[in-house]
Amino acid sequence: MLEGSGWFVKEVAVDMPTKGKHHFFKCDSWLAKDKGDGLTSRVFTLDEGEASVVNYKPCEFGLMSLSVA
């Protein structure tokens, strides 16, 4: 990373529609070599995050082909 090219990450949200779950992780940290603790990556675990069950409705898409003569 170039100096001054970091990101400040306030929170991370992860949706898992196939499981009907949503996970939310607080970060409040810089991803930058020259700011904060100098780390450029973070690892989140499910124990740290807030989880909620989301009701996802499956969608079906279909294509219809018409030919007019």
PDB file of N, CA and C in Angstrom:
ATOM      1  N   MET A   1       0.831  -1.185   0.000  1.00  0.00           N
ATOM      2  CA  MET A   1       0.000   0.000   0.000  1.00  0.00           C
ATOM      3  C   MET A   1       0.873   1.245   0.000  1.00  0.00           C
ATOM      4  N   LEU A   2       0.429   2.209  -0.730  1.00  0.00           N
ATOM      5  CA  LEU A   2       1.125   3.483  -0.735  1.00  0.00           C
ATOM      6  C   LEU A   2       0.741   4.273   0.509  1.00  0.00           C
ATOM      7  N   GLU A   3       1.660   5.108   0.944  1.00  0.00           N
ATOM      8  CA  GLU A   3       1.372   5.941   2.104  1.00  0.00           C
ATOM      9  C   GLU A   3       0.158   6.819   1.817  1.00  0.00           C
ATOM     10  N   GLY A   4      -0.757   6.868   2.785  1.00  0.00           N
ATOM     11  CA  GLY A   4      -1.956   7.675   2.627  1.00  0.00           C
ATOM     12  C   GLY A   4      -3.065   6.999   1.840  1.00  0.00           C
ATOM     13  N   SER A   5      -2.896   5.713   1.515  1.00  0.00           N
ATOM     14  CA  SER A   5      -3.916   5.050   0.702  1.00  0.00           C
ATOM     15  C   SER A   5      -4.765   4.064   1.515  1.00  0.00           C
ATOM     16  N   GLY A   6      -4.824   4.253   2.818  1.00  0.00           N
ATOM     17  CA  GLY A   6      -5.592   3.332   3.650  1.00  0.00           C
ATOM     18  C   GLY A   6      -7.075   3.634   3.675  1.00  0.00           C
ATOM     19  N   TRP A   7      -7.814   2.718   4.279  1.00  0.00           N
ATOM     20  CA  TRP A   7      -9.253   2.862   4.455  1.00  0.00           C
ATOM     21  C   TRP A   7      -9.577   2.797   5.933  1.00  0.00           C
ATOM     22  N   PHE A   8     -10.508   3.613   6.374  1.00  0.00           N
ATOM     23  CA  PHE A   8     -11.041   3.483   7.725  1.00  0.00           C
ATOM     24  C   PHE A   8     -12.323   2.672   7.619  1.00  0.00           C
ATOM     25  N   VAL A   9     -12.361   1.529   8.310  1.00  0.00           N
ATOM     26  CA  VAL A   9     -13.516   0.634   8.250  1.00  0.00           C
ATOM     27  C   VAL A   9     -14.280   0.750   9.568  1.00  0.00           C
ATOM     28  N   LYS A  10     -15.488   1.253   9.471  1.00  0.00           N
ATOM     29  CA  LYS A  10     -16.321   1.405  10.660  1.00  0.00           C
ATOM     30  C   LYS A  10     -17.028   0.100  10.996  1.00  0.00           C
ATOM     31  N   GLU A  11     -17.580  -0.560   9.998  1.00  0.00           N
ATOM     32  CA  GLU A  11     -18.323  -1.798  10.223  1.00  0.00           C
ATOM     33  C   GLU A  11     -18.327  -2.639   8.956  1.00  0.00           C
ATOM     34  N   VAL A  12     -18.595  -3.923   9.138  1.00  0.00           N
ATOM     35  CA  VAL A  12     -18.675  -4.858   8.021  1.00  0.00           C
ATOM     36  C   VAL A  12     -19.973  -5.637   8.171  1.00  0.00           C
ATOM     37  N   ALA A  13     -20.738  -5.719   7.099  1.00  0.00           N
ATOM     38  CA  ALA A  13     -21.978  -6.489   7.099  1.00  0.00           C
ATOM     39  C   ALA A  13     -21.844  -7.618   6.083  1.00  0.00           C
ATOM     40  N   VAL A  14     -22.241  -8.820   6.484  1.00  0.00           N
ATOM     41  CA  VAL A  14     -22.169  -9.985   5.606  1.00  0.00           C
ATOM     42  C   VAL A  14     -23.547 -10.624   5.542  1.00  0.00           C
ATOM     43  N   ASP A  15     -24.102 -10.718   4.347  1.00  0.00           N
ATOM     44  CA  ASP A  15     -25.376 -11.392   4.144  1.00  0.00           C
ATOM     45  C   ASP A  15     -25.137 -12.804   3.646  1.00  0.00           C
ATOM     46  N   MET A  16     -25.888 -13.750   4.211  1.00  0.00           N
ATOM     47  CA  MET A  16     -25.832 -15.145   3.768  1.00  0.00           C
ATOM     48  C   MET A  16     -27.254 -15.577   3.406  1.00  0.00           C
ATOM     49  N   PRO A  17     -27.731 -15.187   2.216  1.00  0.00           N
ATOM     50  CA  PRO A  17     -29.120 -15.465   1.851  1.00  0.00           C
ATOM     51  C   PRO A  17     -29.463 -16.953   1.836  1.00  0.00           C
ATOM     52  N   THR A  18     -28.520 -17.804   1.479  1.00  0.00           N
ATOM     53  CA  THR A  18     -28.811 -19.235   1.446  1.00  0.00           C
ATOM     54  C   THR A  18     -29.048 -19.801   2.835  1.00  0.00           C
ATOM     55  N   LYS A  19     -28.532 -19.133   3.863  1.00  0.00           N
ATOM     56  CA  LYS A  19     -28.726 -19.559   5.243  1.00  0.00           C
ATOM     57  C   LYS A  19     -29.763 -18.709   5.962  1.00  0.00           C
ATOM     58  N   GLY A  20     -30.218 -17.615   5.308  1.00  0.00           N
ATOM     59  CA  GLY A  20     -31.179 -16.714   5.921  1.00  0.00           C
ATOM     60  C   GLY A  20     -30.589 -15.934   7.078  1.00  0.00           C
ATOM     61  N   LYS A  21     -29.301 -15.614   6.996  1.00  0.00           N
ATOM     62  CA  LYS A  21     -28.626 -14.920   8.094  1.00  0.00           C
ATOM     63  C   LYS A  21     -27.926 -13.662   7.621  1.00  0.00           C
ATOM     64  N   HIS A  22     -27.755 -12.760   8.572  1.00  0.00           N
ATOM     65  CA  HIS A  22     -27.043 -11.504   8.346  1.00  0.00           C
ATOM     66  C   HIS A  22     -26.099 -11.321   9.537  1.00  0.00           C
ATOM     67  N   HIS A  23     -24.834 -11.084   9.268  1.00  0.00           N
ATOM     68  CA  HIS A  23     -23.849 -10.870  10.333  1.00  0.00           C
ATOM     69  C   HIS A  23     -23.302  -9.450  10.227  1.00  0.00           C
ATOM     70  N   PHE A  24     -23.123  -8.823  11.379  1.00  0.00           N
ATOM     71  CA  PHE A  24     -22.659  -7.448  11.452  1.00  0.00           C
ATOM     72  C   PHE A  24     -21.463  -7.399  12.398  1.00  0.00           C
ATOM     73  N   PHE A  25     -20.350  -6.838  11.933  1.00  0.00           N
ATOM     74  CA  PHE A  25     -19.132  -6.759  12.730  1.00  0.00           C
ATOM     75  C   PHE A  25     -18.690  -5.302  12.844  1.00  0.00           C
ATOM     76  N   LYS A  26     -18.424  -4.853  14.052  1.00  0.00           N
ATOM     77  CA  LYS A  26     -17.845  -3.521  14.252  1.00  0.00           C
ATOM     78  C   LYS A  26     -16.339  -3.637  14.066  1.00  0.00           C
ATOM     79  N   CYS A  27     -15.756  -2.649  13.419  1.00  0.00           N
ATOM     80  CA  CYS A  27     -14.309  -2.659  13.191  1.00  0.00           C
ATOM     81  C   CYS A  27     -13.673  -1.406  13.796  1.00  0.00           C
ATOM     82  N   ASP A  28     -14.128  -0.227  13.382  1.00  0.00           N
ATOM     83  CA  ASP A  28     -13.597   1.051  13.865  1.00  0.00           C
ATOM     84  C   ASP A  28     -12.071   1.086  13.846  1.00  0.00           C
ATOM     85  N   SER A  29     -11.489   0.652  12.733  1.00  0.00           N
ATOM     86  CA  SER A  29     -10.021   0.595  12.603  1.00  0.00           C
ATOM     87  C   SER A  29      -9.593   0.998  11.199  1.00  0.00           C
ATOM     88  N   TRP A  30      -8.354   1.449  11.125  1.00  0.00           N
ATOM     89  CA  TRP A  30      -7.741   1.741   9.841  1.00  0.00           C
ATOM     90  C   TRP A  30      -7.174   0.475   9.228  1.00  0.00           C
ATOM     91  N   LEU A  31      -7.289   0.357   7.915  1.00  0.00           N
ATOM     92  CA  LEU A  31      -6.547  -0.642   7.143  1.00  0.00           C
ATOM     93  C   LEU A  31      -5.493   0.158   6.388  1.00  0.00           C
ATOM     94  N   ALA A  32      -4.368   0.374   7.046  1.00  0.00           N
ATOM     95  CA  ALA A  32      -3.314   1.215   6.480  1.00  0.00           C
ATOM     96  C   ALA A  32      -2.010   0.965   7.219  1.00  0.00           C
ATOM     97  N   LYS A  33      -0.925   0.952   6.477  1.00  0.00           N
ATOM     98  CA  LYS A  33       0.389   0.766   7.105  1.00  0.00           C
ATOM     99  C   LYS A  33       0.824   1.983   7.896  1.00  0.00           C
ATOM    100  N   ASP A  34       0.327   3.172   7.490  1.00  0.00           N
ATOM    101  CA  ASP A  34       0.796   4.405   8.121  1.00  0.00           C
ATOM    102  C   ASP A  34      -0.209   5.013   9.103  1.00  0.00           C
ATOM    103  N   LYS A  35      -1.276   4.275   9.445  1.00  0.00           N
ATOM    104  CA  LYS A  35      -2.264   4.798  10.393  1.00  0.00           C
ATOM    105  C   LYS A  35      -2.693   3.698  11.357  1.00  0.00           C
ATOM    106  N   GLY A  36      -3.180   4.127  12.509  1.00  0.00           N
ATOM    107  CA  GLY A  36      -3.670   3.162  13.498  1.00  0.00           C
ATOM    108  C   GLY A  36      -2.578   2.213  13.937  1.00  0.00           C
ATOM    109  N   ASP A  37      -2.888   0.913  13.926  1.00  0.00           N
ATOM    110  CA  ASP A  37      -1.919  -0.096  14.364  1.00  0.00           C
ATOM    111  C   ASP A  37      -1.043  -0.610  13.222  1.00  0.00           C
ATOM    112  N   GLY A  38      -1.199  -0.057  12.013  1.00  0.00           N
ATOM    113  CA  GLY A  38      -0.357  -0.436  10.881  1.00  0.00           C
ATOM    114  C   GLY A  38      -0.772  -1.712  10.172  1.00  0.00           C
ATOM    115  N   LEU A  39      -1.881  -2.322  10.582  1.00  0.00           N
ATOM    116  CA  LEU A  39      -2.332  -3.547   9.925  1.00  0.00           C
ATOM    117  C   LEU A  39      -3.157  -3.222   8.694  1.00  0.00           C
ATOM    118  N   THR A  40      -3.075  -4.088   7.692  1.00  0.00           N
ATOM    119  CA  THR A  40      -3.837  -3.880   6.464  1.00  0.00           C
ATOM    120  C   THR A  40      -4.900  -4.950   6.257  1.00  0.00           C
ATOM    121  N   SER A  41      -5.128  -5.765   7.278  1.00  0.00           N
ATOM    122  CA  SER A  41      -6.198  -6.765   7.194  1.00  0.00           C
ATOM    123  C   SER A  41      -6.750  -7.020   8.590  1.00  0.00           C
ATOM    124  N   ARG A  42      -7.950  -7.528   8.639  1.00  0.00           N
ATOM    125  CA  ARG A  42      -8.605  -7.876   9.900  1.00  0.00           C
ATOM    126  C   ARG A  42      -9.278  -9.228   9.726  1.00  0.00           C
ATOM    127  N   VAL A  43      -9.401  -9.963  10.807  1.00  0.00           N
ATOM    128  CA  VAL A  43     -10.116 -11.239  10.817  1.00  0.00           C
ATOM    129  C   VAL A  43     -11.267 -11.110  11.807  1.00  0.00           C
ATOM    130  N   PHE A  44     -12.461 -11.432  11.340  1.00  0.00           N
ATOM    131  CA  PHE A  44     -13.641 -11.383  12.191  1.00  0.00           C
ATOM    132  C   PHE A  44     -14.136 -12.808  12.427  1.00  0.00           C
ATOM    133  N   THR A  45     -14.602 -13.068  13.619  1.00  0.00           N
ATOM    134  CA  THR A  45     -15.181 -14.377  13.908  1.00  0.00           C
ATOM    135  C   THR A  45     -16.651 -14.204  14.253  1.00  0.00           C
ATOM    136  N   LEU A  46     -17.428 -15.262  14.104  1.00  0.00           N
ATOM    137  CA  LEU A  46     -18.850 -15.178  14.409  1.00  0.00           C
ATOM    138  C   LEU A  46     -19.096 -14.885  15.878  1.00  0.00           C
ATOM    139  N   ASP A  47     -18.148 -15.235  16.747  1.00  0.00           N
ATOM    140  CA  ASP A  47     -18.298 -14.939  18.176  1.00  0.00           C
ATOM    141  C   ASP A  47     -18.279 -13.432  18.434  1.00  0.00           C
ATOM    142  N   GLU A  48     -17.580 -12.676  17.574  1.00  0.00           N
ATOM    143  CA  GLU A  48     -17.453 -11.232  17.754  1.00  0.00           C
ATOM    144  C   GLU A  48     -18.629 -10.464  17.160  1.00  0.00           C
ATOM    145  N   GLY A  49     -19.282 -11.051  16.180  1.00  0.00           N
ATOM    146  CA  GLY A  49     -20.309 -10.326  15.446  1.00  0.00           C
ATOM    147  C   GLY A  49     -21.694 -10.488  16.020  1.00  0.00           C
ATOM    148  N   GLU A  50     -22.561  -9.597  15.589  1.00  0.00           N
ATOM    149  CA  GLU A  50     -23.969  -9.695  15.926  1.00  0.00           C
ATOM    150  C   GLU A  50     -24.643 -10.417  14.764  1.00  0.00           C
ATOM    151  N   ALA A  51     -25.481 -11.377  15.081  1.00  0.00           N
ATOM    152  CA  ALA A  51     -26.158 -12.129  14.036  1.00  0.00           C
ATOM    153  C   ALA A  51     -27.653 -11.889  14.135  1.00  0.00           C
ATOM    154  N   SER A  52     -28.281 -11.906  13.004  1.00  0.00           N
ATOM    155  CA  SER A  52     -29.733 -11.831  12.989  1.00  0.00           C
ATOM    156  C   SER A  52     -30.245 -12.743  11.893  1.00  0.00           C
ATOM    157  N   VAL A  53     -31.435 -13.237  12.082  1.00  0.00           N
ATOM    158  CA  VAL A  53     -32.060 -14.086  11.079  1.00  0.00           C
ATOM    159  C   VAL A  53     -32.901 -13.183  10.193  1.00  0.00           C
ATOM    160  N   VAL A  54     -32.698 -13.331   8.913  1.00  0.00           N
ATOM    161  CA  VAL A  54     -33.405 -12.511   7.939  1.00  0.00           C
ATOM    162  C   VAL A  54     -34.255 -13.437   7.092  1.00  0.00           C
ATOM    163  N   ASN A  55     -35.484 -13.081   6.874  1.00  0.00           N
ATOM    164  CA  ASN A  55     -36.345 -13.892   6.014  1.00  0.00           C
ATOM    165  C   ASN A  55     -36.140 -13.476   4.566  1.00  0.00           C
ATOM    166  N   TYR A  56     -35.406 -14.286   3.851  1.00  0.00           N
ATOM    167  CA  TYR A  56     -35.194 -14.045   2.433  1.00  0.00           C
ATOM    168  C   TYR A  56     -36.247 -14.817   1.666  1.00  0.00           C
ATOM    169  N   LYS A  57     -36.834 -14.172   0.701  1.00  0.00           N
ATOM    170  CA  LYS A  57     -37.808 -14.845  -0.139  1.00  0.00           C
ATOM    171  C   LYS A  57     -37.106 -15.258  -1.426  1.00  0.00           C
ATOM    172  N   PRO A  58     -37.151 -16.551  -1.740  1.00  0.00           N
ATOM    173  CA  PRO A  58     -36.494 -16.979  -2.971  1.00  0.00           C
ATOM    174  C   PRO A  58     -37.193 -16.368  -4.189  1.00  0.00           C
ATOM    175  N   CYS A  59     -36.403 -16.033  -5.155  1.00  0.00           N
ATOM    176  CA  CYS A  59     -36.936 -15.465  -6.390  1.00  0.00           C
ATOM    177  C   CYS A  59     -36.733 -16.459  -7.518  1.00  0.00           C
ATOM    178  N   GLU A  60     -37.719 -16.550  -8.358  1.00  0.00           N
ATOM    179  CA  GLU A  60     -37.587 -17.394  -9.533  1.00  0.00           C
ATOM    180  C   GLU A  60     -37.675 -16.496 -10.750  1.00  0.00           C
ATOM    181  N   PHE A  61     -36.770 -16.722 -11.657  1.00  0.00           N
ATOM    182  CA  PHE A  61     -36.760 -15.957 -12.888  1.00  0.00           C
ATOM    183  C   PHE A  61     -36.990 -16.915 -14.040  1.00  0.00           C
ATOM    184  N   GLY A  62     -37.780 -16.506 -14.968  1.00  0.00           N
ATOM    185  CA  GLY A  62     -38.024 -17.325 -16.133  1.00  0.00           C
ATOM    186  C   GLY A  62     -37.928 -16.480 -17.377  1.00  0.00           C
ATOM    187  N   LEU A  63     -37.628 -17.111 -18.449  1.00  0.00           N
ATOM    188  CA  LEU A  63     -37.568 -16.424 -19.739  1.00  0.00           C
ATOM    189  C   LEU A  63     -38.654 -16.986 -20.643  1.00  0.00           C
ATOM    190  N   MET A  64     -39.300 -16.116 -21.360  1.00  0.00           N
ATOM    191  CA  MET A  64     -40.313 -16.558 -22.285  1.00  0.00           C
ATOM    192  C   MET A  64     -39.933 -16.034 -23.653  1.00  0.00           C
ATOM    193  N   SER A  65     -39.994 -16.913 -24.588  1.00  0.00           N
ATOM    194  CA  SER A  65     -39.619 -16.531 -25.951  1.00  0.00           C
ATOM    195  C   SER A  65     -40.869 -16.548 -26.828  1.00  0.00           C
ATOM    196  N   LEU A  66     -41.102 -15.472 -27.507  1.00  0.00           N
ATOM    197  CA  LEU A  66     -42.233 -15.373 -28.425  1.00  0.00           C
ATOM    198  C   LEU A  66     -41.712 -15.084 -29.827  1.00  0.00           C
ATOM    199  N   SER A  67     -42.312 -15.720 -30.761  1.00  0.00           N
ATOM    200  CA  SER A  67     -41.960 -15.367 -32.138  1.00  0.00           C
ATOM    201  C   SER A  67     -43.247 -14.970 -32.865  1.00  0.00           C
ATOM    202  N   VAL A  68     -43.170 -13.877 -33.545  1.00  0.00           N
ATOM    203  CA  VAL A  68     -44.320 -13.372 -34.283  1.00  0.00           C
ATOM    204  C   VAL A  68     -44.019 -13.495 -35.759  1.00  0.00           C
ATOM    205  N   ALA A  69     -44.951 -14.143 -36.472  1.00  0.00           N
ATOM    206  CA  ALA A  69     -44.725 -14.337 -37.907  1.00  0.00           C
ATOM    207  C   ALA A  69     -45.556 -13.388 -38.724  1.00  0.00           C
TER     208      ALA A  69
END
